[in-house]
Amino acid sequence: MNTRPAHGSPGPMVVGTDGSEHARRAMLFALREAQLRGVGVRAVCAYAGGHAEPSDKGMTGWHRAAGEPSPNLHDIVSREVTDSVEELRRQVGEPFVEVEVRCERGRPAQVLLDASEDADLLVVGTRGAGIWGRLALGSTSTEVVHHAHVPVVVVPPEGGSAPE
C-alpha cells in the first residue's frame, strides 16, 4: 500500500543495487530519471547473511574464517554501496540527486517491495548477483514486477539484448 498522501510531494525512486553491471545500469537510469523529475533516489541493497557465495569472497571482512557472517557485515555492505553510488552520481553530474542508501538483510524482492511503499517508481536491472550478496535480479525483477504497488522499470542490459 502506498503510504504517501494522494496530493503530497512526489515520492523517491527506489533502485535495487548489488554491485553487478546490471545494477549499475539501473542506478544510472534512476539517477538520470530522478534529475528530470526533481526527486531523490533510495538505493536499496539486500544481502544474505549465510555462507559465502563465490562472488562474496573478494570483499574484505565479508565472512569470518568459519563461514559465519562478519559482525559488521551491514557496515561493510553499506560502505561499498555508498562508494558505488557516489561514483555514479559524479558520472551523471549536476544537478546532483539526493540519494539515501539502505542495506538490509533479507530476501531481495521483499526488501525492495518494502522499501518502495512510499515510492513513485521502482527500478531494477534484468539480473544481478553481484559482489554484495544475492540480489539476483533475474528472479527478483520478475517477482517485483508481479507484486509492486508502484510502476516498475526493468533496465535492459547494454545493447538492449535479451537477458541470458
N, C-alpha and C. Protein backbone atom coordinates (compact mmCIF):
# COMPACT_ATOMS: atom_id res chain seq x y z
N MET A 1 0.84 -1.17 0.00
CA MET A 1 0.00 0.00 0.00
C MET A 1 0.88 1.23 0.00
N ASN A 2 0.56 2.22 -0.82
CA ASN A 2 1.31 3.46 -0.89
C ASN A 2 0.91 4.32 0.29
N THR A 3 1.89 4.69 1.13
CA THR A 3 1.60 5.44 2.35
C THR A 3 1.70 6.94 2.16
N ARG A 4 2.04 7.41 0.96
CA ARG A 4 2.16 8.83 0.68
C ARG A 4 0.79 9.39 0.42
N PRO A 5 0.48 10.61 0.96
CA PRO A 5 -0.81 11.21 0.68
C PRO A 5 -0.99 11.44 -0.82
N ALA A 6 -2.23 11.38 -1.30
CA ALA A 6 -2.53 11.50 -2.72
C ALA A 6 -2.04 12.81 -3.32
N HIS A 7 -2.09 13.91 -2.57
CA HIS A 7 -1.68 15.21 -3.10
C HIS A 7 -0.36 15.67 -2.50
N GLY A 8 0.38 14.77 -1.91
CA GLY A 8 1.66 15.12 -1.28
C GLY A 8 2.77 15.27 -2.29
N SER A 9 3.94 15.53 -1.78
CA SER A 9 5.09 15.67 -2.66
C SER A 9 5.44 14.32 -3.27
N PRO A 10 6.13 14.35 -4.41
CA PRO A 10 6.47 13.08 -5.07
C PRO A 10 7.37 12.22 -4.18
N GLY A 11 7.16 10.93 -4.27
CA GLY A 11 7.99 10.00 -3.51
C GLY A 11 9.31 9.77 -4.21
N PRO A 12 10.21 9.08 -3.53
CA PRO A 12 11.52 8.81 -4.13
C PRO A 12 11.42 7.73 -5.20
N MET A 13 12.49 7.60 -5.95
CA MET A 13 12.64 6.47 -6.86
C MET A 13 13.48 5.45 -6.10
N VAL A 14 13.04 4.22 -6.07
CA VAL A 14 13.78 3.15 -5.40
C VAL A 14 14.48 2.34 -6.47
N VAL A 15 15.76 2.05 -6.23
CA VAL A 15 16.53 1.26 -7.20
C VAL A 15 17.28 0.16 -6.46
N GLY A 16 17.20 -1.05 -7.00
CA GLY A 16 17.92 -2.19 -6.43
C GLY A 16 19.37 -2.17 -6.90
N THR A 17 20.27 -2.39 -5.96
CA THR A 17 21.69 -2.39 -6.31
C THR A 17 22.40 -3.54 -5.63
N ASP A 18 23.35 -4.15 -6.34
CA ASP A 18 24.08 -5.28 -5.76
C ASP A 18 25.53 -5.35 -6.22
N GLY A 19 25.99 -4.37 -6.96
CA GLY A 19 27.36 -4.37 -7.42
C GLY A 19 27.55 -4.96 -8.81
N SER A 20 26.51 -5.55 -9.38
CA SER A 20 26.62 -6.12 -10.72
C SER A 20 26.54 -5.02 -11.77
N GLU A 21 26.94 -5.33 -12.98
CA GLU A 21 26.85 -4.36 -14.08
C GLU A 21 25.38 -4.03 -14.37
N HIS A 22 24.50 -5.00 -14.25
CA HIS A 22 23.07 -4.76 -14.48
C HIS A 22 22.53 -3.76 -13.45
N ALA A 23 22.95 -3.90 -12.21
CA ALA A 23 22.50 -2.98 -11.17
C ALA A 23 23.09 -1.59 -11.36
N ARG A 24 24.34 -1.50 -11.84
CA ARG A 24 24.95 -0.19 -12.13
C ARG A 24 24.13 0.53 -13.22
N ARG A 25 23.71 -0.20 -14.24
CA ARG A 25 22.90 0.40 -15.30
C ARG A 25 21.56 0.88 -14.75
N ALA A 26 20.96 0.10 -13.85
CA ALA A 26 19.70 0.51 -13.22
C ALA A 26 19.91 1.77 -12.38
N MET A 27 21.02 1.84 -11.66
CA MET A 27 21.30 3.02 -10.83
C MET A 27 21.51 4.25 -11.72
N LEU A 28 22.24 4.11 -12.81
CA LEU A 28 22.43 5.23 -13.73
C LEU A 28 21.09 5.71 -14.29
N PHE A 29 20.23 4.77 -14.68
CA PHE A 29 18.90 5.13 -15.18
C PHE A 29 18.15 5.91 -14.10
N ALA A 30 18.15 5.40 -12.87
CA ALA A 30 17.41 6.03 -11.78
C ALA A 30 17.94 7.44 -11.49
N LEU A 31 19.25 7.60 -11.49
CA LEU A 31 19.82 8.92 -11.22
C LEU A 31 19.43 9.93 -12.30
N ARG A 32 19.50 9.50 -13.55
CA ARG A 32 19.13 10.41 -14.65
C ARG A 32 17.64 10.74 -14.62
N GLU A 33 16.82 9.75 -14.37
CA GLU A 33 15.37 9.98 -14.30
C GLU A 33 15.02 10.87 -13.10
N ALA A 34 15.70 10.67 -11.98
CA ALA A 34 15.47 11.49 -10.79
C ALA A 34 15.86 12.95 -11.05
N GLN A 35 16.92 13.18 -11.81
CA GLN A 35 17.29 14.54 -12.20
C GLN A 35 16.14 15.20 -12.96
N LEU A 36 15.59 14.48 -13.93
CA LEU A 36 14.49 15.02 -14.74
C LEU A 36 13.26 15.31 -13.90
N ARG A 37 12.97 14.45 -12.94
CA ARG A 37 11.76 14.59 -12.12
C ARG A 37 11.95 15.49 -10.91
N GLY A 38 13.21 15.76 -10.55
CA GLY A 38 13.48 16.57 -9.36
C GLY A 38 13.17 15.86 -8.07
N VAL A 39 13.43 14.55 -8.03
CA VAL A 39 13.18 13.75 -6.82
C VAL A 39 14.47 13.05 -6.38
N GLY A 40 14.42 12.47 -5.20
CA GLY A 40 15.55 11.73 -4.67
C GLY A 40 15.49 10.26 -5.06
N VAL A 41 16.58 9.57 -4.78
CA VAL A 41 16.70 8.15 -5.06
C VAL A 41 16.98 7.42 -3.75
N ARG A 42 16.36 6.27 -3.59
CA ARG A 42 16.66 5.37 -2.47
C ARG A 42 17.33 4.13 -3.07
N ALA A 43 18.63 4.00 -2.84
CA ALA A 43 19.40 2.85 -3.33
C ALA A 43 19.29 1.75 -2.29
N VAL A 44 18.77 0.60 -2.71
CA VAL A 44 18.48 -0.49 -1.78
C VAL A 44 19.30 -1.72 -2.14
N CYS A 45 20.00 -2.24 -1.16
CA CYS A 45 20.78 -3.46 -1.35
C CYS A 45 20.34 -4.47 -0.30
N ALA A 46 19.90 -5.62 -0.77
CA ALA A 46 19.57 -6.73 0.13
C ALA A 46 20.75 -7.68 0.13
N TYR A 47 21.11 -8.15 1.29
CA TYR A 47 22.23 -9.08 1.37
C TYR A 47 21.86 -10.26 2.25
N ALA A 48 22.44 -11.38 1.91
CA ALA A 48 22.26 -12.60 2.70
C ALA A 48 23.27 -12.56 3.84
N GLY A 49 23.05 -13.34 4.83
CA GLY A 49 23.97 -13.38 5.95
C GLY A 49 24.54 -14.75 6.17
N GLY A 50 24.33 -15.64 5.23
CA GLY A 50 24.77 -17.01 5.42
C GLY A 50 26.16 -17.26 4.91
N HIS A 51 26.37 -18.44 4.38
CA HIS A 51 27.69 -18.84 3.93
C HIS A 51 28.11 -18.04 2.71
N ALA A 52 29.41 -17.94 2.52
CA ALA A 52 29.96 -17.14 1.43
C ALA A 52 29.55 -17.70 0.08
N GLU A 53 29.16 -16.80 -0.80
CA GLU A 53 28.90 -17.13 -2.19
C GLU A 53 30.19 -16.84 -2.94
N PRO A 54 30.42 -17.44 -4.10
CA PRO A 54 31.65 -17.18 -4.83
C PRO A 54 31.92 -15.71 -5.08
N SER A 55 30.88 -14.92 -5.39
CA SER A 55 31.10 -13.50 -5.68
C SER A 55 31.37 -12.70 -4.41
N ASP A 56 31.04 -13.23 -3.25
CA ASP A 56 31.24 -12.52 -2.00
C ASP A 56 32.69 -12.58 -1.52
N LYS A 57 33.45 -13.55 -1.97
CA LYS A 57 34.75 -13.83 -1.37
C LYS A 57 35.79 -12.76 -1.61
N GLY A 58 35.57 -11.87 -2.58
CA GLY A 58 36.53 -10.82 -2.83
C GLY A 58 36.43 -9.66 -1.88
N MET A 59 35.38 -9.59 -1.08
CA MET A 59 35.21 -8.45 -0.20
C MET A 59 35.95 -8.67 1.11
N THR A 60 36.74 -7.70 1.49
CA THR A 60 37.46 -7.75 2.74
C THR A 60 36.47 -7.76 3.90
N GLY A 61 36.65 -8.67 4.83
CA GLY A 61 35.82 -8.72 6.02
C GLY A 61 34.43 -9.27 5.81
N TRP A 62 34.11 -9.75 4.61
CA TRP A 62 32.76 -10.22 4.32
C TRP A 62 32.37 -11.39 5.20
N HIS A 63 33.28 -12.37 5.36
CA HIS A 63 32.99 -13.53 6.21
C HIS A 63 34.19 -13.85 7.07
N ARG A 64 33.90 -14.36 8.24
CA ARG A 64 34.96 -14.85 9.10
C ARG A 64 35.39 -16.22 8.61
N ALA A 65 36.49 -16.69 9.12
CA ALA A 65 37.08 -17.96 8.66
C ALA A 65 36.10 -19.12 8.77
N ALA A 66 35.26 -19.15 9.78
CA ALA A 66 34.34 -20.27 10.00
C ALA A 66 33.14 -20.22 9.06
N GLY A 67 33.06 -19.22 8.19
CA GLY A 67 31.93 -19.13 7.26
C GLY A 67 30.76 -18.35 7.83
N GLU A 68 30.89 -17.86 9.05
CA GLU A 68 29.83 -17.07 9.67
C GLU A 68 29.91 -15.63 9.15
N PRO A 69 28.77 -14.94 9.06
CA PRO A 69 28.82 -13.57 8.61
C PRO A 69 29.63 -12.70 9.57
N SER A 70 30.31 -11.75 9.02
CA SER A 70 31.06 -10.80 9.83
C SER A 70 30.09 -10.02 10.70
N PRO A 71 30.45 -9.71 11.94
CA PRO A 71 29.53 -8.96 12.79
C PRO A 71 29.24 -7.56 12.25
N ASN A 72 30.11 -7.04 11.42
CA ASN A 72 29.89 -5.71 10.86
C ASN A 72 29.54 -5.77 9.37
N LEU A 73 28.90 -6.84 8.94
CA LEU A 73 28.54 -7.04 7.54
C LEU A 73 27.71 -5.87 7.01
N HIS A 74 26.75 -5.41 7.79
CA HIS A 74 25.91 -4.29 7.36
C HIS A 74 26.77 -3.07 7.05
N ASP A 75 27.74 -2.77 7.90
CA ASP A 75 28.60 -1.61 7.69
C ASP A 75 29.45 -1.76 6.44
N ILE A 76 29.94 -2.97 6.19
CA ILE A 76 30.77 -3.22 5.01
C ILE A 76 29.95 -3.04 3.74
N VAL A 77 28.79 -3.67 3.70
CA VAL A 77 27.92 -3.58 2.53
C VAL A 77 27.49 -2.13 2.32
N SER A 78 27.10 -1.45 3.37
CA SER A 78 26.66 -0.07 3.28
C SER A 78 27.76 0.84 2.73
N ARG A 79 28.98 0.65 3.18
CA ARG A 79 30.10 1.46 2.70
C ARG A 79 30.35 1.20 1.21
N GLU A 80 30.31 -0.07 0.80
CA GLU A 80 30.53 -0.41 -0.60
C GLU A 80 29.44 0.17 -1.50
N VAL A 81 28.20 0.08 -1.07
CA VAL A 81 27.09 0.63 -1.85
C VAL A 81 27.23 2.15 -1.93
N THR A 82 27.51 2.80 -0.82
CA THR A 82 27.66 4.25 -0.79
C THR A 82 28.77 4.70 -1.73
N ASP A 83 29.91 4.02 -1.71
CA ASP A 83 31.02 4.37 -2.60
C ASP A 83 30.62 4.23 -4.06
N SER A 84 29.93 3.16 -4.39
CA SER A 84 29.48 2.93 -5.77
C SER A 84 28.49 4.00 -6.20
N VAL A 85 27.54 4.33 -5.34
CA VAL A 85 26.54 5.35 -5.66
C VAL A 85 27.21 6.70 -5.88
N GLU A 86 28.16 7.04 -5.04
CA GLU A 86 28.86 8.33 -5.19
C GLU A 86 29.60 8.40 -6.52
N GLU A 87 30.23 7.31 -6.91
CA GLU A 87 30.93 7.26 -8.20
C GLU A 87 29.94 7.51 -9.34
N LEU A 88 28.79 6.88 -9.28
CA LEU A 88 27.79 7.04 -10.33
C LEU A 88 27.16 8.43 -10.31
N ARG A 89 26.98 9.01 -9.13
CA ARG A 89 26.46 10.39 -9.04
C ARG A 89 27.41 11.36 -9.72
N ARG A 90 28.71 11.17 -9.50
CA ARG A 90 29.70 12.04 -10.16
C ARG A 90 29.66 11.84 -11.67
N GLN A 91 29.48 10.59 -12.10
CA GLN A 91 29.42 10.30 -13.53
C GLN A 91 28.22 10.99 -14.18
N VAL A 92 27.08 11.00 -13.52
CA VAL A 92 25.87 11.63 -14.05
C VAL A 92 26.00 13.15 -14.01
N GLY A 93 26.62 13.67 -12.98
CA GLY A 93 26.86 15.11 -12.88
C GLY A 93 25.72 15.88 -12.26
N GLU A 94 25.83 17.20 -12.40
CA GLU A 94 24.87 18.11 -11.78
C GLU A 94 23.62 18.25 -12.63
N PRO A 95 22.49 18.57 -12.03
CA PRO A 95 22.32 18.74 -10.60
C PRO A 95 22.38 17.40 -9.88
N PHE A 96 23.12 17.37 -8.78
CA PHE A 96 23.29 16.12 -8.05
C PHE A 96 21.98 15.70 -7.40
N VAL A 97 21.69 14.43 -7.48
CA VAL A 97 20.47 13.86 -6.92
C VAL A 97 20.76 13.43 -5.49
N GLU A 98 19.83 13.72 -4.59
CA GLU A 98 19.95 13.26 -3.22
C GLU A 98 19.70 11.76 -3.20
N VAL A 99 20.61 11.00 -2.57
CA VAL A 99 20.49 9.55 -2.53
C VAL A 99 20.53 9.06 -1.09
N GLU A 100 19.54 8.27 -0.74
CA GLU A 100 19.50 7.57 0.55
C GLU A 100 19.92 6.13 0.28
N VAL A 101 20.88 5.62 1.04
CA VAL A 101 21.32 4.24 0.88
C VAL A 101 20.72 3.40 2.00
N ARG A 102 20.09 2.30 1.60
CA ARG A 102 19.56 1.33 2.57
C ARG A 102 20.14 -0.04 2.26
N CYS A 103 20.72 -0.66 3.25
CA CYS A 103 21.23 -2.02 3.12
C CYS A 103 20.55 -2.85 4.19
N GLU A 104 19.87 -3.89 3.76
CA GLU A 104 19.12 -4.72 4.70
C GLU A 104 19.35 -6.18 4.41
N ARG A 105 19.39 -6.94 5.46
CA ARG A 105 19.50 -8.38 5.35
C ARG A 105 18.11 -8.93 5.05
N GLY A 106 18.02 -9.75 4.02
CA GLY A 106 16.73 -10.32 3.70
C GLY A 106 16.63 -10.77 2.26
N ARG A 107 15.46 -11.25 1.93
CA ARG A 107 15.17 -11.71 0.58
C ARG A 107 15.04 -10.49 -0.32
N PRO A 108 15.82 -10.41 -1.40
CA PRO A 108 15.89 -9.19 -2.21
C PRO A 108 14.55 -8.64 -2.67
N ALA A 109 13.68 -9.44 -3.24
CA ALA A 109 12.41 -8.92 -3.74
C ALA A 109 11.59 -8.30 -2.61
N GLN A 110 11.54 -8.95 -1.47
CA GLN A 110 10.75 -8.42 -0.36
C GLN A 110 11.36 -7.13 0.19
N VAL A 111 12.68 -7.08 0.29
CA VAL A 111 13.34 -5.86 0.76
C VAL A 111 13.03 -4.69 -0.18
N LEU A 112 13.08 -4.94 -1.49
CA LEU A 112 12.77 -3.89 -2.47
C LEU A 112 11.30 -3.47 -2.40
N LEU A 113 10.41 -4.43 -2.29
CA LEU A 113 8.98 -4.10 -2.20
C LEU A 113 8.68 -3.29 -0.94
N ASP A 114 9.27 -3.67 0.17
CA ASP A 114 9.08 -2.92 1.41
C ASP A 114 9.63 -1.50 1.29
N ALA A 115 10.80 -1.37 0.68
CA ALA A 115 11.45 -0.06 0.54
C ALA A 115 10.71 0.85 -0.42
N SER A 116 9.85 0.30 -1.26
CA SER A 116 9.16 1.10 -2.27
C SER A 116 7.73 1.48 -1.87
N GLU A 117 7.35 1.25 -0.63
CA GLU A 117 5.97 1.54 -0.22
C GLU A 117 5.59 3.00 -0.42
N ASP A 118 6.53 3.94 -0.25
CA ASP A 118 6.22 5.36 -0.42
C ASP A 118 6.83 5.91 -1.70
N ALA A 119 7.28 5.05 -2.59
CA ALA A 119 7.96 5.47 -3.81
C ALA A 119 6.99 5.75 -4.94
N ASP A 120 7.49 6.45 -5.95
CA ASP A 120 6.72 6.68 -7.18
C ASP A 120 7.16 5.76 -8.29
N LEU A 121 8.36 5.17 -8.17
CA LEU A 121 8.90 4.30 -9.20
C LEU A 121 9.91 3.36 -8.57
N LEU A 122 9.94 2.11 -9.06
CA LEU A 122 10.90 1.12 -8.61
C LEU A 122 11.71 0.69 -9.82
N VAL A 123 13.04 0.74 -9.72
CA VAL A 123 13.93 0.44 -10.83
C VAL A 123 14.83 -0.73 -10.46
N VAL A 124 14.91 -1.71 -11.35
CA VAL A 124 15.80 -2.86 -11.15
C VAL A 124 16.47 -3.19 -12.47
N GLY A 125 17.58 -3.89 -12.39
CA GLY A 125 18.23 -4.41 -13.59
C GLY A 125 17.61 -5.75 -13.95
N THR A 126 18.00 -6.29 -15.09
CA THR A 126 17.42 -7.55 -15.53
C THR A 126 17.91 -8.72 -14.71
N ARG A 127 19.12 -8.64 -14.21
CA ARG A 127 19.65 -9.70 -13.35
C ARG A 127 20.79 -9.14 -12.55
N GLY A 128 21.25 -9.89 -11.56
CA GLY A 128 22.28 -9.36 -10.69
C GLY A 128 23.19 -10.43 -10.16
N ALA A 129 23.20 -10.57 -8.84
CA ALA A 129 24.09 -11.50 -8.13
C ALA A 129 25.51 -10.98 -8.17
N GLY A 130 25.67 -9.75 -7.74
CA GLY A 130 26.98 -9.12 -7.74
C GLY A 130 27.72 -9.30 -6.44
N ILE A 131 28.66 -8.40 -6.18
CA ILE A 131 29.59 -8.56 -5.06
C ILE A 131 28.95 -8.34 -3.70
N TRP A 132 27.75 -7.78 -3.61
CA TRP A 132 27.17 -7.50 -2.31
C TRP A 132 26.12 -8.52 -1.91
N GLY A 133 26.22 -9.70 -2.38
CA GLY A 133 25.29 -10.74 -1.95
C GLY A 133 24.46 -11.24 -3.09
N ARG A 134 23.32 -11.76 -2.77
CA ARG A 134 22.49 -12.45 -3.74
C ARG A 134 21.30 -11.62 -4.15
N LEU A 135 21.50 -10.45 -4.71
CA LEU A 135 20.39 -9.70 -5.26
C LEU A 135 20.26 -10.17 -6.70
N ALA A 136 19.73 -11.37 -6.88
CA ALA A 136 19.65 -12.00 -8.20
C ALA A 136 18.48 -11.40 -8.95
N LEU A 137 18.76 -10.37 -9.73
CA LEU A 137 17.70 -9.58 -10.33
C LEU A 137 16.94 -10.29 -11.43
N GLY A 138 17.37 -11.44 -11.88
CA GLY A 138 16.56 -12.19 -12.83
C GLY A 138 15.25 -12.58 -12.17
N SER A 139 15.32 -13.37 -11.13
CA SER A 139 14.12 -13.79 -10.41
C SER A 139 13.56 -12.65 -9.57
N THR A 140 14.42 -11.79 -9.06
CA THR A 140 13.96 -10.67 -8.25
C THR A 140 13.15 -9.70 -9.09
N SER A 141 13.65 -9.37 -10.29
CA SER A 141 12.91 -8.43 -11.13
C SER A 141 11.54 -8.99 -11.50
N THR A 142 11.47 -10.26 -11.77
CA THR A 142 10.19 -10.89 -12.10
C THR A 142 9.22 -10.80 -10.92
N GLU A 143 9.68 -11.11 -9.74
CA GLU A 143 8.83 -11.05 -8.55
C GLU A 143 8.39 -9.61 -8.27
N VAL A 144 9.31 -8.67 -8.40
CA VAL A 144 8.99 -7.27 -8.15
C VAL A 144 7.93 -6.78 -9.12
N VAL A 145 8.07 -7.11 -10.40
CA VAL A 145 7.09 -6.69 -11.41
C VAL A 145 5.70 -7.21 -11.06
N HIS A 146 5.62 -8.43 -10.56
CA HIS A 146 4.32 -9.02 -10.25
C HIS A 146 3.70 -8.54 -8.95
N HIS A 147 4.51 -8.02 -8.02
CA HIS A 147 3.97 -7.69 -6.71
C HIS A 147 4.07 -6.22 -6.31
N ALA A 148 4.72 -5.39 -7.10
CA ALA A 148 4.88 -3.98 -6.75
C ALA A 148 3.56 -3.23 -6.84
N HIS A 149 3.44 -2.23 -5.99
CA HIS A 149 2.25 -1.36 -5.99
C HIS A 149 2.56 -0.02 -6.63
N VAL A 150 3.73 0.08 -7.27
CA VAL A 150 4.15 1.28 -7.99
C VAL A 150 4.66 0.83 -9.36
N PRO A 151 4.76 1.75 -10.31
CA PRO A 151 5.34 1.37 -11.60
C PRO A 151 6.77 0.85 -11.43
N VAL A 152 7.14 -0.10 -12.27
CA VAL A 152 8.46 -0.71 -12.22
C VAL A 152 9.13 -0.55 -13.58
N VAL A 153 10.41 -0.16 -13.55
CA VAL A 153 11.24 -0.13 -14.76
C VAL A 153 12.29 -1.22 -14.60
N VAL A 154 12.36 -2.11 -15.58
CA VAL A 154 13.42 -3.13 -15.61
C VAL A 154 14.39 -2.68 -16.70
N VAL A 155 15.58 -2.26 -16.29
CA VAL A 155 16.56 -1.72 -17.22
C VAL A 155 17.25 -2.88 -17.94
N PRO A 156 17.20 -2.86 -19.27
CA PRO A 156 17.80 -3.97 -20.02
C PRO A 156 19.32 -3.91 -20.00
N PRO A 157 19.98 -5.00 -20.35
CA PRO A 157 21.43 -4.99 -20.43
C PRO A 157 21.87 -4.06 -21.56
N GLU A 158 23.15 -3.71 -21.54
CA GLU A 158 23.69 -2.83 -22.59
C GLU A 158 23.41 -3.43 -23.96
N GLY A 159 23.01 -2.58 -24.87
CA GLY A 159 22.67 -3.04 -26.21
C GLY A 159 21.24 -3.51 -26.34
N GLY A 160 20.50 -3.58 -25.20
CA GLY A 160 19.09 -3.96 -25.24
C GLY A 160 18.83 -5.40 -25.60
N SER A 161 19.84 -6.28 -25.56
CA SER A 161 19.63 -7.68 -25.89
C SER A 161 18.87 -8.37 -24.78
N ALA A 162 18.29 -9.49 -25.09
CA ALA A 162 17.53 -10.27 -24.12
C ALA A 162 18.45 -10.79 -23.04
N PRO A 163 17.94 -10.95 -21.79
CA PRO A 163 18.73 -11.48 -20.70
C PRO A 163 19.24 -12.87 -21.05
N GLU A 164 20.38 -13.21 -20.51
CA GLU A 164 20.97 -14.53 -20.74
C GLU A 164 20.29 -15.59 -19.92
